[in-house]
Amino acid sequence: MNKVIFLLLVLGITVSVTFLGCSKSNTSNTTYSMSAQIGPNTYATGNCLAKLTGTTMLINGLSGSSNDPTIPYLQIAIPNWQGVLGQYTVDSFPTHPHIVYYTSATTSEISMYGVLTINSVTTTLISGTFLCTTKDTVNITSGLFTASVFK
């Protein structure tokens, strides 16, 4: 009888310690956004969404809560996305990482050269920095984004 009471006591302590050691999942208060200096103008969005389209990761600065970008907006494209942290060279080739600034439905500025740095990748977000010079010699600097991953 003492062995049974002892085993129940040890089992109760083990279960209590296990449950006390667990914490509730912490809901994220992450703000998803994108900002940059585009020539003399400041670009800032209140939303940013990353979406895998085929094998290309598209990261769009969005206005409001829509999942679709509204003009003007910045788009970062990373073909052959592997989820790798680090620096990517940016240019204008569609098969290479590139940045496009859509100024109207028919007009855009595409990167000629620059750098994109991916700082963090999780199942729910991608964050990083970027800068480039477009083909029309517009400098996009101080680029910063934290994007929600669309599934």
C-alpha atoms as a PDB file:
ATOM      1  CA  MET A   1       0.000   0.000   0.000  1.00  0.00           C
ATOM      2  CA  ASN A   2       2.862   2.398   0.816  1.00  0.00           C
ATOM      3  CA  LYS A   3       4.406   1.670  -2.607  1.00  0.00           C
ATOM      4  CA  VAL A   4       1.133   2.585  -4.348  1.00  0.00           C
ATOM      5  CA  ILE A   5       0.824   5.838  -2.398  1.00  0.00           C
ATOM      6  CA  PHE A   6       4.476   6.637  -3.096  1.00  0.00           C
ATOM      7  CA  LEU A   7       4.068   5.952  -6.871  1.00  0.00           C
ATOM      8  CA  LEU A   8       0.889   8.078  -6.989  1.00  0.00           C
ATOM      9  CA  LEU A   9       2.683  10.876  -5.171  1.00  0.00           C
ATOM     10  CA  VAL A  10       5.659  10.740  -7.589  1.00  0.00           C
ATOM     11  CA  LEU A  11       3.276  10.592 -10.564  1.00  0.00           C
ATOM     12  CA  GLY A  12       1.317  13.592  -9.232  1.00  0.00           C
ATOM     13  CA  ILE A  13       4.479  15.626  -8.707  1.00  0.00           C
ATOM     14  CA  THR A  14       5.765  14.712 -12.187  1.00  0.00           C
ATOM     15  CA  VAL A  15       2.490  15.738 -13.847  1.00  0.00           C
ATOM     16  CA  SER A  16       2.362  18.985 -11.830  1.00  0.00           C
ATOM     17  CA  VAL A  17       5.933  19.925 -12.714  1.00  0.00           C
ATOM     18  CA  THR A  18       5.284  19.130 -16.369  1.00  0.00           C
ATOM     19  CA  PHE A  19       2.208  21.347 -16.578  1.00  0.00           C
ATOM     20  CA  LEU A  20       3.729  24.151 -14.529  1.00  0.00           C
ATOM     21  CA  GLY A  21       6.759  24.135 -16.825  1.00  0.00           C
ATOM     22  CA  CYS A  22       4.586  24.725 -19.876  1.00  0.00           C
ATOM     23  CA  SER A  23       3.560  28.222 -20.756  1.00  0.00           C
ATOM     24  CA  LYS A  24       0.656  29.422 -22.825  1.00  0.00           C
ATOM     25  CA  SER A  25       1.521  30.254 -26.380  1.00  0.00           C
ATOM     26  CA  ASN A  26       2.389  33.877 -26.703  1.00  0.00           C
ATOM     27  CA  THR A  27       0.425  35.644 -29.422  1.00  0.00           C
ATOM     28  CA  SER A  28       2.636  37.790 -31.565  1.00  0.00           C
ATOM     29  CA  ASN A  29       2.204  41.538 -31.644  1.00  0.00           C
ATOM     30  CA  THR A  30       4.396  41.787 -34.734  1.00  0.00           C
ATOM     31  CA  THR A  31       3.656  44.719 -37.005  1.00  0.00           C
ATOM     32  CA  TYR A  32       3.985  43.837 -40.659  1.00  0.00           C
ATOM     33  CA  SER A  33       5.190  46.800 -42.719  1.00  0.00           C
ATOM     34  CA  MET A  34       7.557  48.032 -45.396  1.00  0.00           C
ATOM     35  CA  SER A  35       9.357  51.367 -45.605  1.00  0.00           C
ATOM     36  CA  ALA A  36      12.048  52.978 -47.734  1.00  0.00           C
ATOM     37  CA  GLN A  37      13.349  56.265 -49.011  1.00  0.00           C
ATOM     38  CA  ILE A  38      12.591  56.481 -52.746  1.00  0.00           C
ATOM     39  CA  GLY A  39      14.542  59.417 -54.101  1.00  0.00           C
ATOM     40  CA  PRO A  40      13.378  62.387 -52.017  1.00  0.00           C
ATOM     41  CA  ASN A  41      10.121  60.661 -50.984  1.00  0.00           C
ATOM     42  CA  THR A  42       9.394  58.493 -47.977  1.00  0.00           C
ATOM     43  CA  TYR A  43       7.549  55.248 -48.696  1.00  0.00           C
ATOM     44  CA  ALA A  44       5.765  53.515 -45.811  1.00  0.00           C
ATOM     45  CA  THR A  45       3.040  50.901 -45.676  1.00  0.00           C
ATOM     46  CA  GLY A  46       0.995  49.589 -42.808  1.00  0.00           C
ATOM     47  CA  ASN A  47       1.067  46.044 -44.104  1.00  0.00           C
ATOM     48  CA  CYS A  48       3.498  43.720 -45.876  1.00  0.00           C
ATOM     49  CA  LEU A  49       2.809  40.265 -47.255  1.00  0.00           C
ATOM     50  CA  ALA A  50       5.178  37.532 -48.466  1.00  0.00           C
ATOM     51  CA  LYS A  51       3.733  34.932 -50.802  1.00  0.00           C
ATOM     52  CA  LEU A  52       5.379  32.038 -52.593  1.00  0.00           C
ATOM     53  CA  THR A  53       4.261  32.062 -56.238  1.00  0.00           C
ATOM     54  CA  GLY A  54       5.658  28.966 -57.904  1.00  0.00           C
ATOM     55  CA  THR A  55       9.279  29.039 -56.725  1.00  0.00           C
ATOM     56  CA  THR A  56       9.454  32.842 -56.442  1.00  0.00           C
ATOM     57  CA  MET A  57       8.958  34.588 -53.106  1.00  0.00           C
ATOM     58  CA  LEU A  58       7.115  37.867 -53.649  1.00  0.00           C
ATOM     59  CA  ILE A  59       7.218  40.413 -50.829  1.00  0.00           C
ATOM     60  CA  ASN A  60       4.740  43.259 -51.341  1.00  0.00           C
ATOM     61  CA  GLY A  61       4.267  46.469 -49.438  1.00  0.00           C
ATOM     62  CA  LEU A  62       0.501  46.793 -48.972  1.00  0.00           C
ATOM     63  CA  SER A  63      -1.795  49.629 -48.022  1.00  0.00           C
ATOM     64  CA  GLY A  64      -4.331  48.773 -45.335  1.00  0.00           C
ATOM     65  CA  SER A  65      -5.466  45.221 -44.676  1.00  0.00           C
ATOM     66  CA  SER A  66      -5.882  44.119 -48.300  1.00  0.00           C
ATOM     67  CA  ASN A  67      -3.875  41.150 -49.561  1.00  0.00           C
ATOM     68  CA  ASP A  68      -3.558  42.882 -52.930  1.00  0.00           C
ATOM     69  CA  PRO A  69      -1.146  45.777 -53.456  1.00  0.00           C
ATOM     70  CA  THR A  70      -2.413  49.194 -54.474  1.00  0.00           C
ATOM     71  CA  ILE A  71      -0.310  51.606 -56.486  1.00  0.00           C
ATOM     72  CA  PRO A  72       2.210  52.924 -55.685  1.00  0.00           C
ATOM     73  CA  TYR A  73       3.916  49.932 -54.086  1.00  0.00           C
ATOM     74  CA  LEU A  74       7.236  48.140 -53.782  1.00  0.00           C
ATOM     75  CA  GLN A  75       7.667  44.481 -54.635  1.00  0.00           C
ATOM     76  CA  ILE A  76      10.699  42.341 -53.858  1.00  0.00           C
ATOM     77  CA  ALA A  77      11.017  39.160 -55.918  1.00  0.00           C
ATOM     78  CA  ILE A  78      13.344  36.309 -54.964  1.00  0.00           C
ATOM     79  CA  PRO A  79      13.271  33.570 -57.642  1.00  0.00           C
ATOM     80  CA  ASN A  80      14.179  30.017 -56.607  1.00  0.00           C
ATOM     81  CA  TRP A  81      13.373  30.824 -52.971  1.00  0.00           C
ATOM     82  CA  GLN A  82      15.081  28.474 -50.522  1.00  0.00           C
ATOM     83  CA  GLY A  83      14.438  30.402 -47.297  1.00  0.00           C
ATOM     84  CA  VAL A  84      18.117  31.202 -46.824  1.00  0.00           C
ATOM     85  CA  LEU A  85      19.215  34.064 -44.560  1.00  0.00           C
ATOM     86  CA  GLY A  86      21.861  36.481 -45.770  1.00  0.00           C
ATOM     87  CA  GLN A  87      22.639  38.910 -48.567  1.00  0.00           C
ATOM     88  CA  TYR A  88      21.313  38.656 -52.095  1.00  0.00           C
ATOM     89  CA  THR A  89      22.642  40.697 -55.001  1.00  0.00           C
ATOM     90  CA  VAL A  90      19.800  42.563 -56.695  1.00  0.00           C
ATOM     91  CA  ASP A  91      19.683  43.347 -60.416  1.00  0.00           C
ATOM     92  CA  SER A  92      17.075  43.643 -63.182  1.00  0.00           C
ATOM     93  CA  PHE A  93      17.032  40.060 -64.476  1.00  0.00           C
ATOM     94  CA  PRO A  94      13.699  38.303 -63.836  1.00  0.00           C
ATOM     95  CA  THR A  95      15.548  35.109 -62.843  1.00  0.00           C
ATOM     96  CA  HIS A  96      17.584  36.980 -60.168  1.00  0.00           C
ATOM     97  CA  PRO A  97      16.434  38.772 -57.013  1.00  0.00           C
ATOM     98  CA  HIS A  98      15.037  42.158 -57.990  1.00  0.00           C
ATOM     99  CA  ILE A  99      12.991  45.072 -56.664  1.00  0.00           C
ATOM    100  CA  VAL A 100      10.216  46.821 -58.563  1.00  0.00           C
ATOM    101  CA  TYR A 101       8.573  50.113 -57.632  1.00  0.00           C
ATOM    102  CA  TYR A 102       5.154  50.290 -59.301  1.00  0.00           C
ATOM    103  CA  THR A 103       4.250  53.952 -59.810  1.00  0.00           C
ATOM    104  CA  SER A 104       1.113  53.348 -61.918  1.00  0.00           C
ATOM    105  CA  ALA A 105      -0.721  50.468 -63.578  1.00  0.00           C
ATOM    106  CA  THR A 106       1.573  50.817 -66.607  1.00  0.00           C
ATOM    107  CA  THR A 107       4.769  52.335 -65.149  1.00  0.00           C
ATOM    108  CA  SER A 108       7.399  50.844 -62.886  1.00  0.00           C
ATOM    109  CA  GLU A 109      10.998  51.313 -61.830  1.00  0.00           C
ATOM    110  CA  ILE A 110      13.068  48.092 -61.703  1.00  0.00           C
ATOM    111  CA  SER A 111      16.314  47.670 -59.825  1.00  0.00           C
ATOM    112  CA  MET A 112      19.523  47.839 -61.790  1.00  0.00           C
ATOM    113  CA  TYR A 113      21.793  46.912 -58.902  1.00  0.00           C
ATOM    114  CA  GLY A 114      21.568  46.716 -55.123  1.00  0.00           C
ATOM    115  CA  VAL A 115      21.490  44.477 -52.075  1.00  0.00           C
ATOM    116  CA  LEU A 116      18.717  42.609 -50.287  1.00  0.00           C
ATOM    117  CA  THR A 117      19.405  41.128 -46.852  1.00  0.00           C
ATOM    118  CA  ILE A 118      17.073  38.534 -45.334  1.00  0.00           C
ATOM    119  CA  ASN A 119      17.477  38.734 -41.553  1.00  0.00           C
ATOM    120  CA  SER A 120      14.763  36.386 -40.330  1.00  0.00           C
ATOM    121  CA  VAL A 121      12.601  33.621 -41.785  1.00  0.00           C
ATOM    122  CA  THR A 122       9.984  31.702 -39.805  1.00  0.00           C
ATOM    123  CA  THR A 123       6.769  29.963 -40.776  1.00  0.00           C
ATOM    124  CA  THR A 124       4.891  33.211 -40.096  1.00  0.00           C
ATOM    125  CA  LEU A 125       7.239  36.051 -41.106  1.00  0.00           C
ATOM    126  CA  ILE A 126      10.150  37.176 -43.249  1.00  0.00           C
ATOM    127  CA  SER A 127      12.110  40.320 -42.423  1.00  0.00           C
ATOM    128  CA  GLY A 128      15.022  42.155 -43.924  1.00  0.00           C
ATOM    129  CA  THR A 129      16.535  45.267 -45.446  1.00  0.00           C
ATOM    130  CA  PHE A 130      17.151  46.452 -48.989  1.00  0.00           C
ATOM    131  CA  LEU A 131      18.561  49.203 -51.173  1.00  0.00           C
ATOM    132  CA  CYS A 132      18.973  49.617 -54.886  1.00  0.00           C
ATOM    133  CA  THR A 133      19.328  51.991 -57.788  1.00  0.00           C
ATOM    134  CA  THR A 134      16.731  51.590 -60.530  1.00  0.00           C
ATOM    135  CA  LYS A 135      17.316  51.646 -64.283  1.00  0.00           C
ATOM    136  CA  ASP A 136      16.053  55.256 -64.261  1.00  0.00           C
ATOM    137  CA  THR A 137      18.687  56.070 -61.566  1.00  0.00           C
ATOM    138  CA  VAL A 138      16.184  56.453 -58.732  1.00  0.00           C
ATOM    139  CA  ASN A 139      17.857  55.526 -55.436  1.00  0.00           C
ATOM    140  CA  ILE A 140      15.823  53.355 -53.095  1.00  0.00           C
ATOM    141  CA  THR A 141      17.545  53.405 -49.706  1.00  0.00           C
ATOM    142  CA  SER A 142      16.842  52.576 -46.064  1.00  0.00           C
ATOM    143  CA  GLY A 143      14.519  49.776 -47.120  1.00  0.00           C
ATOM    144  CA  LEU A 144      13.100  47.759 -44.238  1.00  0.00           C
ATOM    145  CA  PHE A 145      10.344  45.137 -44.144  1.00  0.00           C
ATOM    146  CA  THR A 146       8.647  42.636 -41.907  1.00  0.00           C
ATOM    147  CA  ALA A 147       6.246  40.542 -43.968  1.00  0.00           C
ATOM    148  CA  SER A 148       3.548  38.149 -42.899  1.00  0.00           C
ATOM    149  CA  VAL A 149       3.890  34.843 -44.754  1.00  0.00           C
ATOM    150  CA  PHE A 150       0.692  34.100 -46.722  1.00  0.00           C
ATOM    151  CA  LYS A 151      -0.276  30.447 -46.801  1.00  0.00           C
END
